[in-house]
Amino acid sequence: LLYGRSASLAVQNGPQGLVTLAAYREGGTLAGVIVAAIAPAALVGLGAGALGYPAFGLFLGALSLAVALITLPIWRRPVLPGAAPSLAGLAGAGALRLLALALVNSLPVALTSTLFLFFVEDRLHLPGKAGLLLTLFFISAGISVPFWLRLRGRIGAKATLLIAMPLAIACFAGSAFLAQGDLVAFAVICAASGAALGADTVLLPAMFSVALTRAGLQASLAFGIWAFAGKLGLALAAFAVMPILEWNGFLPGQANSAQALTALTLAYAVVPCVLKLGAMAMVLRLKDADG
């Protein structure tokens, strides 16, 4: 519903207003991920017990109530009328092509997200470092949002994506050549890949919202399909790679053979490169009309 209300929540009526709203919305989402990652440890440092999770639950409950009260006025804004989306309407607006792009583009991140802990601990042998590296990834994604937003204002969303996507591919490829214990190198890769994710996170939903608004389509159901595409990518990634790793003898937290670790490296670093190249090809086919 939050995504579906984009047109009515944007301060300016037009693509720029929708992109600005997307930047704040996705930046807030990334900030929430970072808070969720560091809050339990911070609460333990303040004296909370049981690894900080009981206090974390109370903190999230209180934060949710506070946010509900603070943001209540935005939900009182009138909803902009629009036609109910249909396949023909989505296709005519160019939204179906963006939905397909969202699904394909979600697969590389879904693969690396599914295998991140295994890659850090079993392939790189960096036990206990996954949380720190993941936090670095999301912090980098968050702080990159203003940069991508400014770049989009200068060269357009399509051209900006065609800069961010090769950066992501370079990060995936670089991961394949890391040796055990390469903490600094992988930290750099996490920071760079997080920055690349920032572009996808902001620009693709904004482009989708612009396409729907221009076509006069109601956005709530369409963004429900958009969210489904992202979740489907995560499910497909787990469905595809976990049996393959098991078939190659990979066991998390155990001594693994060279074949098992090679399969893990291919699934984490090489396959995402191929999928991202497919997403880039789809971006190249998008119209230059900018979101």
Protein backbone atom coordinates (compact mmCIF):
# COMPACT_ATOMS: atom_id res chain seq x y z
CA LEU A 1 0.00 0.00 0.00
CA LEU A 2 2.88 2.36 0.72
CA TYR A 3 4.24 1.83 -2.78
CA GLY A 4 0.76 2.07 -4.25
CA ARG A 5 0.24 5.51 -2.72
CA SER A 6 3.36 6.91 -4.40
CA ALA A 7 1.50 9.31 -6.67
CA SER A 8 -0.57 10.79 -3.84
CA LEU A 9 2.40 11.04 -1.43
CA ALA A 10 4.84 12.71 -3.82
CA VAL A 11 5.24 16.42 -3.15
CA GLN A 12 5.58 17.19 -6.86
CA ASN A 13 3.29 15.70 -9.46
CA GLY A 14 5.62 14.19 -12.03
CA PRO A 15 8.57 11.83 -12.52
CA GLN A 16 10.95 13.91 -10.41
CA GLY A 17 8.59 13.90 -7.44
CA LEU A 18 8.09 10.14 -7.69
CA VAL A 19 11.83 9.50 -7.88
CA THR A 20 12.48 11.77 -4.88
CA LEU A 21 9.79 9.95 -2.90
CA ALA A 22 11.35 6.62 -3.87
CA ALA A 23 14.74 7.81 -2.65
CA TYR A 24 13.38 8.72 0.79
CA ARG A 25 11.27 5.56 1.00
CA GLU A 26 14.07 3.17 0.04
CA GLY A 27 16.58 5.09 2.13
CA GLY A 28 14.27 4.66 5.10
CA THR A 29 13.94 0.95 4.37
CA LEU A 30 17.70 0.52 4.28
CA ALA A 31 18.02 2.52 7.50
CA GLY A 32 15.54 0.15 9.10
CA VAL A 33 17.61 -2.85 8.03
CA ILE A 34 20.71 -1.28 9.55
CA VAL A 35 18.91 -0.50 12.82
CA ALA A 36 17.59 -4.06 12.98
CA ALA A 37 21.11 -5.42 12.41
CA ILE A 38 22.87 -3.41 15.11
CA ALA A 39 20.14 -2.91 17.71
CA PRO A 40 20.42 -6.30 19.51
CA ALA A 41 24.16 -5.91 20.08
CA ALA A 42 23.68 -2.28 21.12
CA LEU A 43 20.99 -3.28 23.61
CA VAL A 44 23.28 -5.94 25.08
CA GLY A 45 25.89 -3.25 25.55
CA LEU A 46 23.28 -1.26 27.48
CA GLY A 47 22.67 -4.20 29.81
CA ALA A 48 19.90 -6.19 28.09
CA GLY A 49 19.94 -9.95 28.57
CA ALA A 50 19.16 -12.97 26.37
CA LEU A 51 21.29 -11.63 23.50
CA GLY A 52 19.22 -8.44 23.50
CA TYR A 53 16.26 -9.91 21.63
CA PRO A 54 13.51 -9.43 24.29
CA ALA A 55 14.50 -5.78 24.56
CA PHE A 56 14.74 -5.63 20.77
CA GLY A 57 11.14 -6.82 20.46
CA LEU A 58 9.94 -4.14 22.89
CA PHE A 59 12.00 -1.54 21.03
CA LEU A 60 10.44 -2.49 17.68
CA GLY A 61 6.95 -2.42 19.15
CA ALA A 62 7.46 1.04 20.61
CA LEU A 63 9.07 2.27 17.39
CA SER A 64 6.16 0.96 15.32
CA LEU A 65 3.62 2.78 17.46
CA ALA A 66 5.61 6.00 17.31
CA VAL A 67 5.95 5.80 13.52
CA ALA A 68 2.22 5.07 13.16
CA LEU A 69 1.38 8.26 15.06
CA ILE A 70 3.96 10.41 13.30
CA THR A 71 2.95 9.29 9.80
CA LEU A 72 -0.82 9.31 10.33
CA PRO A 73 -1.32 12.57 8.35
CA ILE A 74 0.09 11.14 5.12
CA TRP A 75 -2.60 8.47 5.01
CA ARG A 76 -5.29 11.15 5.14
CA ARG A 77 -4.25 12.49 1.77
CA PRO A 78 -6.77 11.72 -0.99
CA VAL A 79 -5.97 8.77 -3.21
CA LEU A 80 -5.52 9.73 -6.85
CA PRO A 81 -8.13 7.94 -8.97
CA GLY A 82 -7.00 5.54 -11.63
CA ALA A 83 -8.13 2.65 -13.74
CA ALA A 84 -7.83 -0.90 -12.44
CA PRO A 85 -4.68 -2.49 -13.88
CA SER A 86 -5.00 -5.23 -16.46
CA LEU A 87 -2.49 -7.15 -18.52
CA ALA A 88 -3.26 -5.00 -21.53
CA GLY A 89 -2.99 -1.82 -19.49
CA LEU A 90 0.28 -2.86 -17.85
CA ALA A 91 1.71 -3.87 -21.21
CA GLY A 92 0.67 -0.61 -22.84
CA ALA A 93 2.28 1.38 -20.02
CA GLY A 94 5.54 -0.56 -20.31
CA ALA A 95 5.01 -1.89 -16.80
CA LEU A 96 5.07 -5.56 -17.79
CA ARG A 97 8.57 -5.14 -19.18
CA LEU A 98 9.62 -3.49 -15.90
CA LEU A 99 8.03 -6.34 -13.92
CA ALA A 100 10.03 -8.88 -15.91
CA LEU A 101 13.15 -6.81 -15.31
CA ALA A 102 12.40 -6.68 -11.59
CA LEU A 103 12.18 -10.48 -11.44
CA VAL A 104 15.37 -11.13 -13.42
CA ASN A 105 17.26 -8.38 -11.60
CA SER A 106 16.22 -9.75 -8.21
CA LEU A 107 17.76 -13.16 -8.90
CA PRO A 108 21.46 -12.22 -8.49
CA VAL A 109 20.84 -10.51 -5.14
CA ALA A 110 18.58 -13.37 -4.09
CA LEU A 111 21.36 -15.87 -4.81
CA THR A 112 24.01 -13.93 -2.93
CA SER A 113 21.65 -13.28 -0.03
CA THR A 114 20.82 -16.98 0.24
CA LEU A 115 24.47 -18.03 0.15
CA PHE A 116 26.13 -15.07 1.90
CA LEU A 117 26.67 -16.76 5.27
CA PHE A 118 27.97 -19.95 3.62
CA PHE A 119 30.37 -17.99 1.42
CA VAL A 120 31.76 -15.94 4.30
CA GLU A 121 32.21 -18.77 6.77
CA ASP A 122 32.85 -21.83 4.60
CA ARG A 123 34.50 -20.41 1.49
CA LEU A 124 36.42 -17.45 2.93
CA HIS A 125 36.79 -18.90 6.45
CA LEU A 126 35.83 -15.65 8.19
CA PRO A 127 33.74 -16.90 11.13
CA GLY A 128 31.85 -14.25 13.01
CA LYS A 129 32.37 -11.61 10.32
CA ALA A 130 29.14 -12.08 8.35
CA GLY A 131 27.11 -9.65 10.46
CA LEU A 132 29.68 -6.89 10.16
CA LEU A 133 30.03 -7.38 6.41
CA LEU A 134 26.27 -7.45 5.90
CA THR A 135 25.91 -4.24 7.88
CA LEU A 136 28.60 -2.65 5.71
CA PHE A 137 26.67 -3.78 2.62
CA PHE A 138 23.44 -2.10 3.70
CA ILE A 139 25.14 1.05 4.99
CA SER A 140 26.85 1.42 1.62
CA ALA A 141 23.53 0.93 -0.15
CA GLY A 142 21.91 3.61 2.00
CA ILE A 143 24.57 6.26 1.61
CA SER A 144 24.77 5.66 -2.15
CA VAL A 145 21.13 6.67 -2.70
CA PRO A 146 21.75 10.46 -2.95
CA PHE A 147 24.56 9.86 -5.44
CA TRP A 148 22.40 7.73 -7.72
CA LEU A 149 19.57 10.22 -7.42
CA ARG A 150 21.79 13.11 -8.54
CA LEU A 151 23.24 11.01 -11.37
CA ARG A 152 19.76 10.08 -12.53
CA GLY A 153 18.89 13.79 -12.65
CA ARG A 154 21.81 14.40 -15.00
CA ILE A 155 21.82 11.41 -17.33
CA GLY A 156 18.49 9.63 -16.74
CA ALA A 157 17.44 6.44 -14.98
CA LYS A 158 18.33 4.05 -17.81
CA ALA A 159 21.88 5.36 -18.18
CA THR A 160 22.32 5.32 -14.40
CA LEU A 161 21.29 1.68 -14.21
CA LEU A 162 23.77 0.88 -16.97
CA ILE A 163 26.51 2.27 -14.72
CA ALA A 164 25.38 0.52 -11.54
CA MET A 165 24.83 -2.90 -13.10
CA PRO A 166 28.42 -3.36 -14.39
CA LEU A 167 29.61 -2.37 -10.92
CA ALA A 168 27.52 -5.20 -9.47
CA ILE A 169 28.89 -7.63 -12.07
CA ALA A 170 32.45 -6.63 -11.22
CA CYS A 171 31.73 -7.31 -7.55
CA PHE A 172 30.26 -10.74 -8.26
CA ALA A 173 33.21 -11.62 -10.49
CA GLY A 174 35.74 -10.36 -7.96
CA SER A 175 34.28 -12.60 -5.28
CA ALA A 176 35.16 -15.66 -7.34
CA PHE A 177 38.90 -14.91 -7.11
CA LEU A 178 39.11 -14.34 -3.35
CA ALA A 179 41.25 -16.60 -1.20
CA GLN A 180 40.61 -17.77 2.34
CA GLY A 181 40.91 -14.96 4.86
CA ASP A 182 40.56 -12.09 2.35
CA LEU A 183 38.57 -9.95 4.76
CA VAL A 184 39.63 -6.51 3.47
CA ALA A 185 39.08 -7.40 -0.18
CA PHE A 186 35.65 -8.86 0.51
CA ALA A 187 34.73 -5.83 2.64
CA VAL A 188 35.51 -3.62 -0.37
CA ILE A 189 33.35 -5.88 -2.55
CA CYS A 190 30.50 -5.70 -0.02
CA ALA A 191 30.69 -1.90 0.04
CA ALA A 192 30.76 -1.64 -3.76
CA SER A 193 27.98 -4.17 -4.30
CA GLY A 194 25.88 -2.41 -1.68
CA ALA A 195 26.34 0.84 -3.58
CA ALA A 196 25.24 -0.88 -6.80
CA LEU A 197 22.17 -2.21 -5.01
CA GLY A 198 21.26 1.34 -4.00
CA ALA A 199 20.63 2.24 -7.65
CA ASP A 200 18.37 -0.77 -8.26
CA THR A 201 16.49 -0.21 -5.03
CA VAL A 202 15.60 3.41 -5.81
CA LEU A 203 15.34 3.63 -9.59
CA LEU A 204 13.42 0.51 -10.58
CA PRO A 205 10.39 1.08 -8.28
CA ALA A 206 10.38 4.75 -9.26
CA MET A 207 10.38 3.88 -12.97
CA PHE A 208 7.52 1.45 -12.36
CA SER A 209 5.56 4.10 -10.46
CA VAL A 210 6.12 6.66 -13.23
CA ALA A 211 4.89 4.19 -15.85
CA LEU A 212 1.72 3.48 -13.87
CA THR A 213 1.05 7.16 -13.16
CA ARG A 214 1.49 8.17 -16.80
CA ALA A 215 -0.94 5.46 -17.85
CA GLY A 216 -3.47 6.48 -15.17
CA LEU A 217 -3.44 3.03 -13.54
CA GLN A 218 -4.10 2.29 -9.87
CA ALA A 219 -0.77 1.35 -8.33
CA SER A 220 -1.66 -0.75 -5.28
CA LEU A 221 -2.38 -4.03 -7.07
CA ALA A 222 0.43 -3.43 -9.55
CA PHE A 223 2.94 -2.95 -6.73
CA GLY A 224 1.57 -6.07 -5.08
CA ILE A 225 2.63 -7.93 -8.22
CA TRP A 226 5.96 -6.07 -8.08
CA ALA A 227 6.56 -7.25 -4.51
CA PHE A 228 5.58 -10.78 -5.51
CA ALA A 229 8.21 -10.72 -8.28
CA GLY A 230 10.91 -9.90 -5.73
CA LYS A 231 9.81 -12.63 -3.33
CA LEU A 232 9.54 -15.09 -6.20
CA GLY A 233 13.15 -14.36 -7.10
CA LEU A 234 14.26 -15.20 -3.57
CA ALA A 235 12.26 -18.43 -3.59
CA LEU A 236 13.60 -19.45 -7.00
CA ALA A 237 17.16 -18.81 -5.87
CA ALA A 238 16.83 -21.05 -2.83
CA PHE A 239 14.96 -23.69 -4.83
CA ALA A 240 17.64 -23.77 -7.51
CA VAL A 241 20.93 -23.61 -5.63
CA MET A 242 20.40 -25.49 -2.39
CA PRO A 243 19.80 -28.92 -4.01
CA ILE A 244 22.78 -28.33 -6.32
CA LEU A 245 25.05 -27.56 -3.37
CA GLU A 246 23.79 -30.64 -1.54
CA TRP A 247 24.35 -32.77 -4.65
CA ASN A 248 27.97 -31.53 -4.74
CA GLY A 249 28.45 -32.50 -1.11
CA PHE A 250 28.43 -29.05 0.47
CA LEU A 251 27.73 -29.05 4.23
CA PRO A 252 27.58 -25.71 6.09
CA GLY A 253 30.04 -25.46 8.95
CA GLN A 254 31.84 -28.66 7.99
CA ALA A 255 35.07 -29.52 6.18
CA ASN A 256 34.10 -29.42 2.51
CA SER A 257 35.77 -30.87 -0.57
CA ALA A 258 37.19 -28.74 -3.36
CA GLN A 259 34.23 -29.74 -5.53
CA ALA A 260 31.75 -28.54 -2.93
CA LEU A 261 33.51 -25.21 -2.47
CA THR A 262 33.77 -24.74 -6.24
CA ALA A 263 30.03 -25.29 -6.54
CA LEU A 264 29.48 -22.71 -3.80
CA THR A 265 31.73 -20.19 -5.58
CA LEU A 266 29.98 -20.73 -8.90
CA ALA A 267 26.54 -20.30 -7.31
CA TYR A 268 27.56 -17.21 -5.32
CA ALA A 269 29.77 -15.37 -7.81
CA VAL A 270 29.49 -16.70 -11.37
CA VAL A 271 25.79 -17.42 -11.84
CA PRO A 272 24.81 -13.94 -10.54
CA CYS A 273 27.10 -12.39 -13.18
CA VAL A 274 25.21 -14.21 -15.94
CA LEU A 275 21.83 -13.21 -14.51
CA LYS A 276 22.90 -9.58 -14.10
CA LEU A 277 24.06 -9.52 -17.72
CA GLY A 278 20.56 -10.68 -18.66
CA ALA A 279 19.07 -7.86 -16.61
CA MET A 280 21.40 -5.38 -18.34
CA ALA A 281 20.21 -6.60 -21.72
CA MET A 282 16.63 -5.95 -20.62
CA VAL A 283 17.54 -2.42 -19.48
CA LEU A 284 19.12 -1.73 -22.88
CA ARG A 285 15.77 -2.55 -24.48
CA LEU A 286 13.86 -0.08 -22.30
CA LYS A 287 12.64 3.10 -23.91
CA ASP A 288 14.67 6.19 -23.22
CA ALA A 289 11.58 7.85 -21.72
CA ASP A 290 12.83 8.31 -18.21
CA GLY A 291 11.34 7.42 -14.85
